Amino acid sequence: MDADPIAWADIIFVMEQSHRAKLNRRFRDRLRGKRVIRLDTSSRA
């Protein structure tokens, strides 16, 4: 992923906490004012 989709997004969905952490590491400054929502994708049996 590059910064272009982040620039125009209002809300960003991620599947796992590790994805959110990676976004924060790479694009911390560009995520200001954006909502990042982690979907609960854990399987519950």
N, C-alpha and C. Protein backbone atom coordinates (compact mmCIF):
# COMPACT_ATOMS: atom_id res chain seq x y z
N MET A 1 0.84 -1.18 0.00
CA MET A 1 0.00 0.00 0.00
C MET A 1 0.88 1.24 0.00
N ASP A 2 0.41 2.24 -0.71
CA ASP A 2 1.12 3.52 -0.68
C ASP A 2 0.21 4.58 -0.07
N ALA A 3 0.68 5.80 -0.03
CA ALA A 3 -0.03 6.86 0.68
C ALA A 3 -1.23 7.40 -0.08
N ASP A 4 -1.33 7.17 -1.38
CA ASP A 4 -2.44 7.73 -2.15
C ASP A 4 -3.82 7.31 -1.65
N PRO A 5 -4.09 6.01 -1.46
CA PRO A 5 -5.42 5.64 -0.96
C PRO A 5 -5.71 6.21 0.44
N ILE A 6 -4.69 6.33 1.24
CA ILE A 6 -4.88 6.89 2.58
C ILE A 6 -5.27 8.36 2.49
N ALA A 7 -4.71 9.08 1.53
CA ALA A 7 -4.98 10.50 1.39
C ALA A 7 -6.45 10.78 1.13
N TRP A 8 -7.11 9.97 0.34
CA TRP A 8 -8.51 10.25 0.03
C TRP A 8 -9.51 9.50 0.90
N ALA A 9 -9.04 8.54 1.70
CA ALA A 9 -9.95 7.74 2.53
C ALA A 9 -10.40 8.51 3.77
N ASP A 10 -11.67 8.34 4.11
CA ASP A 10 -12.20 8.87 5.36
C ASP A 10 -12.12 7.80 6.45
N ILE A 11 -12.38 6.56 6.03
CA ILE A 11 -12.37 5.42 6.94
C ILE A 11 -11.53 4.32 6.30
N ILE A 12 -10.68 3.69 7.10
CA ILE A 12 -9.82 2.61 6.63
C ILE A 12 -10.14 1.37 7.45
N PHE A 13 -10.44 0.28 6.78
CA PHE A 13 -10.73 -0.99 7.45
C PHE A 13 -9.53 -1.91 7.36
N VAL A 14 -9.20 -2.55 8.47
CA VAL A 14 -8.14 -3.55 8.50
C VAL A 14 -8.72 -4.83 9.10
N MET A 15 -8.07 -5.94 8.80
CA MET A 15 -8.57 -7.23 9.26
C MET A 15 -8.00 -7.63 10.62
N GLU A 16 -6.78 -7.21 10.89
CA GLU A 16 -6.11 -7.65 12.11
C GLU A 16 -5.37 -6.49 12.76
N GLN A 17 -5.09 -6.62 14.03
CA GLN A 17 -4.35 -5.61 14.76
C GLN A 17 -2.96 -5.40 14.17
N SER A 18 -2.35 -6.46 13.65
CA SER A 18 -1.02 -6.33 13.05
C SER A 18 -1.06 -5.44 11.81
N HIS A 19 -2.17 -5.48 11.06
CA HIS A 19 -2.32 -4.61 9.90
C HIS A 19 -2.42 -3.15 10.34
N ARG A 20 -3.15 -2.92 11.41
CA ARG A 20 -3.28 -1.56 11.93
C ARG A 20 -1.93 -1.03 12.41
N ALA A 21 -1.17 -1.88 13.08
CA ALA A 21 0.15 -1.47 13.57
C ALA A 21 1.08 -1.14 12.39
N LYS A 22 1.01 -1.94 11.34
CA LYS A 22 1.85 -1.68 10.17
C LYS A 22 1.48 -0.34 9.51
N LEU A 23 0.19 -0.07 9.39
CA LEU A 23 -0.24 1.22 8.85
C LEU A 23 0.28 2.37 9.71
N ASN A 24 0.17 2.21 11.02
CA ASN A 24 0.66 3.25 11.92
C ASN A 24 2.16 3.48 11.76
N ARG A 25 2.91 2.43 11.61
CA ARG A 25 4.36 2.58 11.44
C ARG A 25 4.71 3.29 10.13
N ARG A 26 4.03 2.91 9.06
CA ARG A 26 4.39 3.45 7.74
C ARG A 26 3.77 4.81 7.43
N PHE A 27 2.57 5.07 7.97
CA PHE A 27 1.82 6.25 7.54
C PHE A 27 1.27 7.06 8.71
N ARG A 28 1.95 7.07 9.83
CA ARG A 28 1.45 7.72 11.03
C ARG A 28 0.96 9.16 10.76
N ASP A 29 1.76 9.95 10.09
CA ASP A 29 1.39 11.35 9.84
C ASP A 29 0.15 11.47 8.95
N ARG A 30 0.02 10.58 8.01
CA ARG A 30 -1.12 10.66 7.07
C ARG A 30 -2.40 10.08 7.65
N LEU A 31 -2.31 9.37 8.77
CA LEU A 31 -3.50 8.80 9.39
C LEU A 31 -4.20 9.77 10.34
N ARG A 32 -3.60 10.91 10.58
CA ARG A 32 -4.23 11.88 11.48
C ARG A 32 -5.57 12.31 10.92
N GLY A 33 -6.59 12.23 11.75
CA GLY A 33 -7.94 12.60 11.34
C GLY A 33 -8.70 11.51 10.61
N LYS A 34 -8.09 10.35 10.44
CA LYS A 34 -8.73 9.22 9.76
C LYS A 34 -9.23 8.22 10.80
N ARG A 35 -10.32 7.56 10.49
CA ARG A 35 -10.80 6.46 11.33
C ARG A 35 -10.23 5.17 10.79
N VAL A 36 -9.58 4.40 11.65
CA VAL A 36 -9.09 3.08 11.28
C VAL A 36 -9.87 2.08 12.10
N ILE A 37 -10.60 1.22 11.43
CA ILE A 37 -11.47 0.25 12.08
C ILE A 37 -10.95 -1.14 11.84
N ARG A 38 -10.75 -1.88 12.93
CA ARG A 38 -10.32 -3.28 12.82
C ARG A 38 -11.55 -4.16 12.85
N LEU A 39 -11.72 -4.96 11.81
CA LEU A 39 -12.83 -5.91 11.77
C LEU A 39 -12.47 -7.12 12.62
N ASP A 40 -13.42 -7.64 13.31
CA ASP A 40 -13.18 -8.83 14.13
C ASP A 40 -13.27 -10.05 13.23
N THR A 41 -12.13 -10.52 12.77
CA THR A 41 -12.11 -11.65 11.83
C THR A 41 -11.71 -12.95 12.50
N SER A 42 -11.60 -12.94 13.82
CA SER A 42 -11.23 -14.18 14.51
C SER A 42 -12.38 -15.17 14.39
N SER A 43 -12.03 -16.42 14.12
CA SER A 43 -13.06 -17.44 14.01
C SER A 43 -13.39 -17.96 15.40
N ARG A 44 -14.65 -18.03 15.65
CA ARG A 44 -15.11 -18.52 16.96
C ARG A 44 -15.85 -19.82 16.74
N ALA A 45 -15.31 -20.87 17.28
CA ALA A 45 -15.95 -22.18 17.10
C ALA A 45 -16.70 -22.60 18.33
